[in-house]
Amino acid sequence: MEFLTDVPQQLRRQSTSDGTDSAKLNVFQRLIRQWDTLHPYNVVQMVKVRGSLDVEALRNAWHDAMQSLGLGLVSVTGASYRFSCLNGQAIYHNVRLCPRETILEDWIAEELNRPFDASETVPFRPFALAGEDHFWMGFSYQHWVTDNSGVRLVMREWFVRMFDPAAADQRPVRLRSARYVSLFNPLRSGWHAGEALLSSLRWQCQLRRVRRIENPQDFAKLSVRCHIMHPPEGLIDALCRAARARKVTVNDLFMAALAEACDKYVPVERRYHRRELAVGTIVDLRSKSDRTLEDVFSPLLGFASVSCRPATLANWDKLLGAIAFQTRRQKRTGVPQYSWLRMLAGLAAGKMLSREEILTFYRKRVSLAGACTNVNLNRSWALRYHLNPLLEYVRAAPTGPITPLVIAATTLGHRLSLTLTYRAAILTEDRAAALGAMILNRLGKVAAAFV
């Protein structure tokens, strides 16, 4: 069987073993580093593996992967950053073994809430959790260092060193400066600049009409919790067929189900001039530039949002149609690519305002009831090992200051994993579970005719 990988060879190269290439922080990284000062902006990714846990082999594989990739300690100097290998310090940054009685959701929540020690400056925290006939291996990381593309590379190199050593790659990652303004320039990319600007203005006007969480103490009391949902096997296949039949995307289905559930369970307060509800989505921008970006290890992400009127929220077909219409228009006009301008606005505000004023700024300017991040791994390295021995791939995303909850959807083979992360100040565990159940129920109804 041909080896499948989503990590192009250009992403890595032969170089010195200390991994000392440096790069400029892009606008996304600078913004996320600001958000890190408000609350840890960590991400958790893990895989469920068939078999028994060999802790020593797992630790050796982790250290070997980090050494080969040239990752480890990260240092930021001004607007630049660089990695260097741990070398003799590896023992102090080992894979942490969770106690057997650990509840997976509680562990994820702990990792999302626990800040990285600034004195250690290692942006990865690996862990393992043993089960009866399986185990979990994964890590939390600071989101500003990379995105899903880079994380899958780290996970791959760790995984294959355990289960397919011959497939391990010995070449380190390459950091490369990548300014958003040059990568996603409307004139260079062939957009209609006037239409893109008009769409951006329309986006700002929409957000002025959406409901928002009025409690100013929401983020100050922030503690992120996690709820893992359990979709039935084959649901994602039926959803793909349903999306094709309705001429929408699977992500449109996720966002519509999210909006419907947020309307019922998230306490965004309606005012006479704020009747609509907004949900957002994270967009991987690597394929949306006129340049080849496969060799960029840094995060290259944008975002977009859709707004839903009360009458639309009450009718599923209208809701799905309205969301699909907005997402198609945003793709046509390049709204996700243009989000670097909005990031600059947030970055500027963060430099001038106090912590409380920053939170107020986001609460008033970008008030989302929820967000969705959707990743399909069926064109990645993980598909080769699916079911033997890789059973499941789970991601958990941070909430950040602009949304109280995030749904992370991950597809591998015929299995869909859904993880809800939410702020405990906004949702109780019962309401979060009910929100997740409502989303699954809606997706089940959509898929029922296409099973």
Protein backbone atom coordinates (compact mmCIF):
# COMPACT_ATOMS: atom_id res chain seq x y z
CA MET A 1 0.00 0.00 0.00
CA GLU A 2 1.32 3.41 -0.91
CA PHE A 3 2.22 5.52 2.11
CA LEU A 4 -0.17 8.45 2.55
CA THR A 5 1.13 11.66 4.05
CA ASP A 6 -0.06 15.24 4.32
CA VAL A 7 3.47 16.43 5.07
CA PRO A 8 5.30 17.33 1.84
CA GLN A 9 8.99 16.67 1.62
CA GLN A 10 9.61 20.39 1.08
CA LEU A 11 8.51 20.97 4.68
CA ARG A 12 11.76 19.43 5.88
CA ARG A 13 15.39 19.60 4.93
CA GLN A 14 18.82 18.51 5.98
CA SER A 15 20.38 21.00 8.37
CA THR A 16 22.32 21.24 11.57
CA SER A 17 20.95 19.10 14.39
CA ASP A 18 20.27 21.97 16.75
CA GLY A 19 17.29 23.21 14.71
CA THR A 20 18.32 26.84 15.03
CA ASP A 21 16.57 28.33 11.97
CA SER A 22 14.56 31.42 12.94
CA ALA A 23 11.43 33.02 11.55
CA LYS A 24 9.38 36.15 11.96
CA LEU A 25 6.17 35.97 13.97
CA ASN A 26 3.20 36.39 11.63
CA VAL A 27 0.09 38.35 12.60
CA PHE A 28 -1.82 35.25 13.74
CA GLN A 29 1.03 34.24 16.03
CA ARG A 30 1.35 37.71 17.53
CA LEU A 31 -2.39 37.87 18.18
CA ILE A 32 -2.50 34.43 19.78
CA ARG A 33 0.46 35.29 21.98
CA GLN A 34 -1.61 38.24 23.19
CA TRP A 35 -4.53 35.94 23.91
CA ASP A 36 -2.18 33.67 25.84
CA THR A 37 -1.75 36.45 28.41
CA LEU A 38 -5.53 36.47 28.98
CA HIS A 39 -5.85 32.70 29.36
CA PRO A 40 -3.75 29.77 28.09
CA TYR A 41 -4.53 29.34 24.39
CA ASN A 42 -3.58 25.67 24.31
CA VAL A 43 -4.70 22.88 22.00
CA VAL A 44 -4.84 19.16 22.73
CA GLN A 45 -4.47 16.41 20.13
CA MET A 46 -4.36 12.70 20.86
CA VAL A 47 -4.80 9.30 19.27
CA LYS A 48 -6.37 6.16 20.66
CA VAL A 49 -4.19 3.13 19.94
CA ARG A 50 -4.97 -0.57 20.11
CA GLY A 51 -2.77 -2.62 22.46
CA SER A 52 -0.94 -2.19 25.75
CA LEU A 53 1.12 0.83 26.75
CA ASP A 54 4.93 0.60 26.78
CA VAL A 55 5.85 3.79 28.61
CA GLU A 56 9.59 3.53 28.06
CA ALA A 57 9.22 2.95 24.30
CA LEU A 58 6.75 5.83 24.07
CA ARG A 59 9.16 8.20 25.83
CA ASN A 60 12.08 7.15 23.67
CA ALA A 61 9.99 7.64 20.54
CA TRP A 62 8.94 11.11 21.67
CA HIS A 63 12.50 12.28 22.36
CA ASP A 64 13.74 10.82 19.09
CA ALA A 65 10.94 12.55 17.14
CA MET A 66 11.62 15.91 18.77
CA GLN A 67 15.34 15.59 18.17
CA SER A 68 14.88 14.66 14.52
CA LEU A 69 12.36 17.43 13.90
CA GLY A 70 14.63 20.00 15.52
CA LEU A 71 11.93 20.97 18.03
CA GLY A 72 12.11 21.48 21.76
CA LEU A 73 12.96 24.77 23.40
CA VAL A 74 11.46 27.83 21.72
CA SER A 75 12.74 31.35 22.24
CA VAL A 76 11.23 34.64 21.09
CA THR A 77 13.40 37.67 20.50
CA GLY A 78 11.54 40.75 19.41
CA ALA A 79 9.43 39.74 16.40
CA SER A 80 11.41 36.55 15.69
CA TYR A 81 11.40 33.07 17.18
CA ARG A 82 13.49 29.92 16.88
CA PHE A 83 13.59 26.33 18.13
CA SER A 84 16.53 24.45 19.58
CA CYS A 85 16.77 20.80 20.57
CA LEU A 86 16.54 19.75 24.20
CA ASN A 87 19.80 17.81 24.17
CA GLY A 88 20.69 17.13 27.82
CA GLN A 89 17.44 18.66 29.11
CA ALA A 90 15.17 16.01 27.55
CA ILE A 91 14.74 14.17 30.85
CA TYR A 92 12.99 17.24 32.30
CA HIS A 93 10.41 17.26 29.49
CA ASN A 94 9.29 13.65 29.46
CA VAL A 95 6.02 11.99 28.47
CA ARG A 96 3.73 12.25 31.48
CA LEU A 97 1.85 9.08 32.46
CA CYS A 98 -1.70 9.78 33.63
CA PRO A 99 -3.08 7.78 36.58
CA ARG A 100 -5.32 4.89 35.45
CA GLU A 101 -8.37 6.42 37.14
CA THR A 102 -8.00 9.63 35.10
CA ILE A 103 -11.15 10.73 33.28
CA LEU A 104 -10.11 11.72 29.77
CA GLU A 105 -12.34 14.82 29.60
CA ASP A 106 -10.98 16.09 32.92
CA TRP A 107 -7.42 15.60 31.73
CA ILE A 108 -8.07 17.53 28.52
CA ALA A 109 -9.63 20.35 30.52
CA GLU A 110 -6.62 20.46 32.83
CA GLU A 111 -4.25 20.72 29.86
CA LEU A 112 -6.33 23.47 28.26
CA ASN A 113 -6.32 25.51 31.46
CA ARG A 114 -2.72 24.92 32.55
CA PRO A 115 -0.31 27.62 31.30
CA PHE A 116 3.06 26.64 29.92
CA ASP A 117 5.92 27.50 32.22
CA ALA A 118 7.62 30.53 30.72
CA SER A 119 10.93 29.47 32.27
CA GLU A 120 10.87 26.12 30.45
CA THR A 121 9.85 27.52 27.03
CA VAL A 122 8.95 24.09 25.61
CA PRO A 123 5.60 24.51 23.81
CA PHE A 124 4.70 20.78 23.88
CA ARG A 125 3.50 18.64 26.81
CA PRO A 126 3.24 14.93 25.86
CA PHE A 127 1.16 12.47 27.88
CA ALA A 128 -0.16 8.90 27.84
CA LEU A 129 -3.18 7.25 29.42
CA ALA A 130 -3.57 3.45 29.61
CA GLY A 131 -6.91 1.69 29.10
CA GLU A 132 -8.02 -1.94 29.18
CA ASP A 133 -7.07 -2.97 25.65
CA HIS A 134 -5.88 0.38 24.33
CA PHE A 135 -4.07 3.54 25.34
CA TRP A 136 -4.07 7.23 24.49
CA MET A 137 -0.97 9.09 23.38
CA GLY A 138 -1.06 12.81 22.73
CA PHE A 139 0.15 16.24 23.70
CA SER A 140 -1.01 19.73 24.45
CA TYR A 141 0.76 22.61 22.76
CA GLN A 142 0.77 26.37 22.50
CA HIS A 143 -1.24 27.20 19.42
CA TRP A 144 0.95 30.09 18.36
CA VAL A 145 3.83 27.77 17.36
CA THR A 146 1.96 25.85 14.64
CA ASP A 147 -1.41 24.74 13.26
CA ASN A 148 -2.99 21.37 12.45
CA SER A 149 -0.65 20.80 9.53
CA GLY A 150 2.43 21.11 11.75
CA VAL A 151 0.88 19.16 14.63
CA ARG A 152 0.05 16.23 12.36
CA LEU A 153 3.72 16.14 11.41
CA VAL A 154 4.78 15.95 15.07
CA MET A 155 2.12 13.30 15.81
CA ARG A 156 3.15 11.28 12.77
CA GLU A 157 6.83 11.20 13.64
CA TRP A 158 6.04 10.18 17.22
CA PHE A 159 3.56 7.51 16.11
CA VAL A 160 5.65 5.86 13.40
CA ARG A 161 8.66 5.60 15.70
CA MET A 162 6.45 3.40 17.87
CA PHE A 163 4.69 1.32 15.23
CA ASP A 164 6.48 1.71 11.89
CA PRO A 165 10.10 2.78 12.52
CA ALA A 166 11.07 2.34 8.87
CA ALA A 167 8.71 5.18 7.95
CA ALA A 168 10.35 7.67 10.34
CA ASP A 169 11.89 10.75 8.74
CA GLN A 170 15.13 12.12 10.14
CA ARG A 171 14.93 15.62 8.67
CA PRO A 172 14.02 18.64 10.84
CA VAL A 173 11.26 21.11 10.16
CA ARG A 174 12.09 24.40 8.53
CA LEU A 175 10.82 27.63 9.96
CA ARG A 176 10.21 30.25 7.37
CA SER A 177 9.01 33.84 7.58
CA ALA A 178 5.55 34.18 6.10
CA ARG A 179 3.82 37.56 6.23
CA TYR A 180 0.07 37.34 5.74
CA VAL A 181 0.04 40.57 3.73
CA SER A 182 2.28 38.99 1.09
CA LEU A 183 0.71 35.54 1.14
CA PHE A 184 -2.92 36.66 1.09
CA ASN A 185 -2.92 39.90 -0.87
CA PRO A 186 -6.17 40.50 -2.80
CA LEU A 187 -4.40 42.03 -5.78
CA ARG A 188 -1.84 39.22 -6.01
CA SER A 189 -4.43 36.50 -5.52
CA GLY A 190 -6.73 37.75 -8.25
CA TRP A 191 -9.62 38.74 -6.01
CA HIS A 192 -11.91 41.60 -6.79
CA ALA A 193 -10.49 43.95 -4.16
CA GLY A 194 -13.59 46.16 -4.03
CA GLU A 195 -15.88 43.20 -3.47
CA ALA A 196 -13.56 41.82 -0.78
CA LEU A 197 -13.55 45.15 1.07
CA LEU A 198 -17.32 45.41 0.76
CA SER A 199 -17.68 41.90 2.14
CA SER A 200 -15.40 42.78 5.06
CA LEU A 201 -17.50 45.85 5.83
CA ARG A 202 -20.63 43.73 5.59
CA TRP A 203 -19.10 41.34 8.12
CA GLN A 204 -18.51 44.19 10.57
CA CYS A 205 -22.06 45.47 10.13
CA GLN A 206 -23.46 42.00 10.76
CA LEU A 207 -21.56 41.69 14.03
CA ARG A 208 -23.10 44.93 15.23
CA ARG A 209 -26.50 43.23 15.00
CA VAL A 210 -25.67 39.96 16.73
CA ARG A 211 -26.44 38.98 20.29
CA ARG A 212 -23.63 38.90 22.78
CA ILE A 213 -22.82 37.70 26.27
CA GLU A 214 -23.37 40.73 28.47
CA ASN A 215 -21.64 39.40 31.61
CA PRO A 216 -18.33 41.31 31.78
CA GLN A 217 -16.95 38.77 34.28
CA ASP A 218 -17.35 35.86 31.85
CA PHE A 219 -13.76 35.65 30.72
CA ALA A 220 -12.32 36.81 34.05
CA LYS A 221 -13.74 33.64 35.64
CA LEU A 222 -12.80 31.49 32.70
CA SER A 223 -12.23 27.81 33.24
CA VAL A 224 -12.46 25.70 30.13
CA ARG A 225 -14.23 22.34 30.33
CA CYS A 226 -14.40 19.50 27.83
CA HIS A 227 -17.20 17.23 26.65
CA ILE A 228 -16.48 14.39 24.19
CA MET A 229 -19.43 13.37 22.05
CA HIS A 230 -19.80 9.91 20.56
CA PRO A 231 -21.28 9.97 17.04
CA PRO A 232 -22.33 6.60 15.61
CA GLU A 233 -20.05 4.81 13.17
CA GLY A 234 -20.73 5.81 9.57
CA LEU A 235 -22.42 9.12 10.44
CA ILE A 236 -19.83 11.13 8.56
CA ASP A 237 -20.36 9.09 5.36
CA ALA A 238 -24.09 9.79 5.46
CA LEU A 239 -23.45 13.47 6.17
CA CYS A 240 -21.18 13.67 3.11
CA ARG A 241 -23.94 12.20 0.95
CA ALA A 242 -26.48 14.57 2.46
CA ALA A 243 -24.23 17.57 1.85
CA ARG A 244 -23.75 16.63 -1.81
CA ALA A 245 -27.49 16.18 -2.24
CA ARG A 246 -28.22 19.58 -0.67
CA LYS A 247 -25.32 21.24 -2.56
CA VAL A 248 -23.75 22.43 0.68
CA THR A 249 -20.55 21.48 2.51
CA VAL A 250 -20.22 19.22 5.52
CA ASN A 251 -18.90 22.23 7.42
CA ASP A 252 -22.14 24.07 6.56
CA LEU A 253 -24.03 21.21 8.24
CA PHE A 254 -21.82 21.46 11.34
CA MET A 255 -22.26 25.23 11.56
CA ALA A 256 -26.03 25.06 11.11
CA ALA A 257 -26.37 22.40 13.81
CA LEU A 258 -24.10 24.48 16.06
CA ALA A 259 -26.11 27.66 15.50
CA GLU A 260 -29.38 25.86 16.26
CA ALA A 261 -28.02 24.46 19.52
CA CYS A 262 -26.38 27.74 20.57
CA ASP A 263 -29.69 29.53 20.06
CA LYS A 264 -31.22 27.29 22.71
CA TYR A 265 -28.42 26.82 25.23
CA VAL A 266 -25.92 29.70 25.06
CA PRO A 267 -27.01 32.77 27.08
CA VAL A 268 -26.37 35.39 24.41
CA GLU A 269 -28.76 38.19 25.29
CA ARG A 270 -31.13 39.59 22.68
CA ARG A 271 -31.72 43.33 22.41
CA TYR A 272 -34.00 45.28 20.08
CA HIS A 273 -31.03 46.05 17.81
CA ARG A 274 -29.23 42.75 18.47
CA ARG A 275 -31.49 39.93 17.33
CA GLU A 276 -29.20 37.79 15.19
CA LEU A 277 -26.87 35.02 16.33
CA ALA A 278 -23.34 34.54 14.95
CA VAL A 279 -21.16 31.43 14.79
CA GLY A 280 -17.66 31.22 13.37
CA THR A 281 -15.32 28.77 11.73
CA ILE A 282 -11.54 28.40 11.49
CA VAL A 283 -10.11 28.23 7.96
CA ASP A 284 -6.80 26.71 6.87
CA LEU A 285 -5.39 29.25 4.41
CA ARG A 286 -2.60 27.14 2.92
CA SER A 287 -4.56 26.40 -0.25
CA LYS A 288 -5.86 29.94 -0.65
CA SER A 289 -2.72 31.71 -1.74
CA ASP A 290 -1.04 32.08 -5.11
CA ARG A 291 2.12 30.73 -3.48
CA THR A 292 3.03 27.21 -2.43
CA LEU A 293 2.86 27.08 1.37
CA GLU A 294 3.53 23.40 2.07
CA ASP A 295 6.98 24.28 3.42
CA VAL A 296 5.68 26.67 6.11
CA PHE A 297 5.62 25.17 9.61
CA SER A 298 4.09 28.29 11.17
CA PRO A 299 0.30 28.56 11.66
CA LEU A 300 -1.51 29.99 8.63
CA LEU A 301 -5.12 30.30 9.71
CA GLY A 302 -7.99 32.67 9.10
CA PHE A 303 -11.55 32.83 10.32
CA ALA A 304 -15.02 33.67 9.10
CA SER A 305 -18.46 33.90 10.66
CA VAL A 306 -22.09 33.74 9.62
CA SER A 307 -25.09 35.43 11.21
CA CYS A 308 -28.56 33.90 11.57
CA ARG A 309 -31.87 35.71 12.01
CA PRO A 310 -34.46 34.49 14.54
CA ALA A 311 -36.90 33.38 11.84
CA THR A 312 -34.13 31.48 10.10
CA LEU A 313 -33.05 29.74 13.29
CA ALA A 314 -36.57 28.39 13.71
CA ASN A 315 -36.51 26.56 10.37
CA TRP A 316 -33.72 24.05 9.64
CA ASP A 317 -33.93 24.22 5.86
CA LYS A 318 -33.84 28.01 5.87
CA LEU A 319 -31.01 28.02 8.40
CA LEU A 320 -28.86 25.65 6.33
CA GLY A 321 -29.60 27.59 3.15
CA ALA A 322 -28.72 30.93 4.76
CA ILE A 323 -25.42 29.62 6.14
CA ALA A 324 -24.45 27.96 2.85
CA PHE A 325 -25.24 31.19 0.98
CA GLN A 326 -22.98 33.20 3.28
CA THR A 327 -20.09 30.74 3.19
CA ARG A 328 -20.19 30.55 -0.62
CA ARG A 329 -20.11 34.34 -0.84
CA GLN A 330 -17.24 34.52 1.64
CA LYS A 331 -15.20 32.01 -0.36
CA ARG A 332 -15.86 33.96 -3.55
CA THR A 333 -14.80 37.27 -2.04
CA GLY A 334 -11.88 35.94 0.01
CA VAL A 335 -13.18 36.84 3.47
CA PRO A 336 -11.07 34.19 5.32
CA GLN A 337 -7.91 35.38 3.56
CA TYR A 338 -8.76 38.95 4.44
CA SER A 339 -9.09 38.12 8.15
CA TRP A 340 -5.48 39.20 8.71
CA LEU A 341 -6.80 42.78 8.66
CA ARG A 342 -9.13 41.97 11.54
CA MET A 343 -6.25 40.29 13.34
CA LEU A 344 -4.25 43.50 13.01
CA ALA A 345 -7.12 45.41 14.58
CA GLY A 346 -7.18 42.99 17.53
CA LEU A 347 -3.40 43.17 17.83
CA ALA A 348 -3.47 46.97 17.92
CA ALA A 349 -6.23 47.00 20.52
CA GLY A 350 -4.28 44.59 22.70
CA LYS A 351 -1.27 46.89 22.73
CA MET A 352 -3.26 49.94 23.82
CA LEU A 353 -5.86 48.53 26.21
CA SER A 354 -5.81 46.96 29.66
CA ARG A 355 -6.84 43.34 30.16
CA GLU A 356 -10.41 44.27 31.08
CA GLU A 357 -10.65 46.69 28.17
CA ILE A 358 -9.39 44.02 25.75
CA LEU A 359 -12.09 41.62 26.90
CA THR A 360 -14.71 44.34 26.52
CA PHE A 361 -13.39 45.09 23.04
CA TYR A 362 -13.87 41.48 21.89
CA ARG A 363 -17.20 41.13 23.66
CA LYS A 364 -18.57 44.14 21.79
CA ARG A 365 -16.79 43.86 18.44
CA VAL A 366 -16.61 40.10 17.81
CA SER A 367 -19.42 38.38 19.68
CA LEU A 368 -19.79 34.78 18.55
CA ALA A 369 -22.10 32.28 20.24
CA GLY A 370 -19.89 29.39 19.14
CA ALA A 371 -17.28 28.27 16.63
CA CYS A 372 -16.35 25.18 14.67
CA THR A 373 -13.03 23.73 13.53
CA ASN A 374 -13.32 20.89 11.02
CA VAL A 375 -10.44 18.63 9.88
CA ASN A 376 -10.60 15.64 7.52
CA LEU A 377 -7.67 13.24 7.99
CA ASN A 378 -8.57 10.86 5.18
CA ARG A 379 -5.84 12.31 3.01
CA SER A 380 -3.27 12.23 5.77
CA TRP A 381 -0.75 9.69 7.10
CA ALA A 382 -3.26 8.57 9.74
CA LEU A 383 -5.44 6.73 7.21
CA ARG A 384 -2.77 4.09 6.59
CA TYR A 385 -2.83 3.05 10.24
CA HIS A 386 -6.55 3.49 10.85
CA LEU A 387 -7.96 0.58 12.89
CA ASN A 388 -4.56 -1.13 12.98
CA PRO A 389 -3.47 0.13 15.42
CA LEU A 390 -4.85 3.71 15.33
CA LEU A 391 -8.47 3.61 16.52
CA GLU A 392 -9.40 7.28 16.87
CA TYR A 393 -7.98 10.79 16.47
CA VAL A 394 -9.30 13.45 18.88
CA ARG A 395 -8.71 17.21 18.94
CA ALA A 396 -9.75 19.77 21.56
CA ALA A 397 -9.60 23.47 20.71
CA PRO A 398 -9.34 26.54 22.97
CA THR A 399 -12.21 29.00 23.28
CA GLY A 400 -10.29 32.28 23.37
CA PRO A 401 -11.85 35.68 24.07
CA ILE A 402 -14.30 35.78 21.14
CA THR A 403 -16.42 32.66 21.67
CA PRO A 404 -17.62 30.73 24.75
CA LEU A 405 -17.48 27.32 23.06
CA VAL A 406 -15.80 25.47 20.19
CA ILE A 407 -16.72 22.22 18.45
CA ALA A 408 -13.72 20.30 17.02
CA ALA A 409 -14.80 17.84 14.31
CA THR A 410 -12.23 15.28 13.14
CA THR A 411 -12.86 12.68 10.43
CA LEU A 412 -10.74 9.56 10.07
CA GLY A 413 -11.92 6.68 7.94
CA HIS A 414 -15.64 6.21 8.57
CA ARG A 415 -15.42 7.68 12.06
CA LEU A 416 -16.27 11.20 13.18
CA SER A 417 -14.92 12.52 16.48
CA LEU A 418 -16.61 15.56 18.03
CA THR A 419 -15.16 17.40 21.03
CA LEU A 420 -16.87 20.36 22.71
CA THR A 421 -14.79 22.78 24.75
CA TYR A 422 -16.66 25.47 26.65
CA ARG A 423 -16.29 28.09 29.34
CA ALA A 424 -17.72 26.89 32.64
CA ALA A 425 -18.85 30.44 33.48
CA ILE A 426 -21.26 30.24 30.53
CA LEU A 427 -22.42 26.63 30.42
CA THR A 428 -22.94 24.08 33.16
CA GLU A 429 -21.92 20.48 32.49
CA ASP A 430 -25.58 19.50 32.04
CA ARG A 431 -26.27 22.27 29.54
CA ALA A 432 -23.08 21.50 27.65
CA ALA A 433 -24.07 17.83 27.42
CA ALA A 434 -27.57 18.84 26.28
CA LEU A 435 -26.10 21.17 23.64
CA GLY A 436 -23.89 18.37 22.36
CA ALA A 437 -26.81 15.94 22.30
CA MET A 438 -28.89 18.42 20.30
CA ILE A 439 -26.13 18.76 17.72
CA LEU A 440 -25.81 14.98 17.39
CA ASN A 441 -29.57 14.62 17.15
CA ARG A 442 -29.77 17.16 14.33
CA LEU A 443 -26.87 15.61 12.44
CA GLY A 444 -28.50 12.20 12.87
CA LYS A 445 -31.75 13.47 11.37
CA VAL A 446 -29.91 14.98 8.43
CA ALA A 447 -28.03 11.74 7.80
CA ALA A 448 -31.00 9.41 8.33
CA ALA A 449 -32.18 9.57 4.72
CA PHE A 450 -28.67 8.82 3.40
CA VAL A 451 -27.56 5.94 5.61
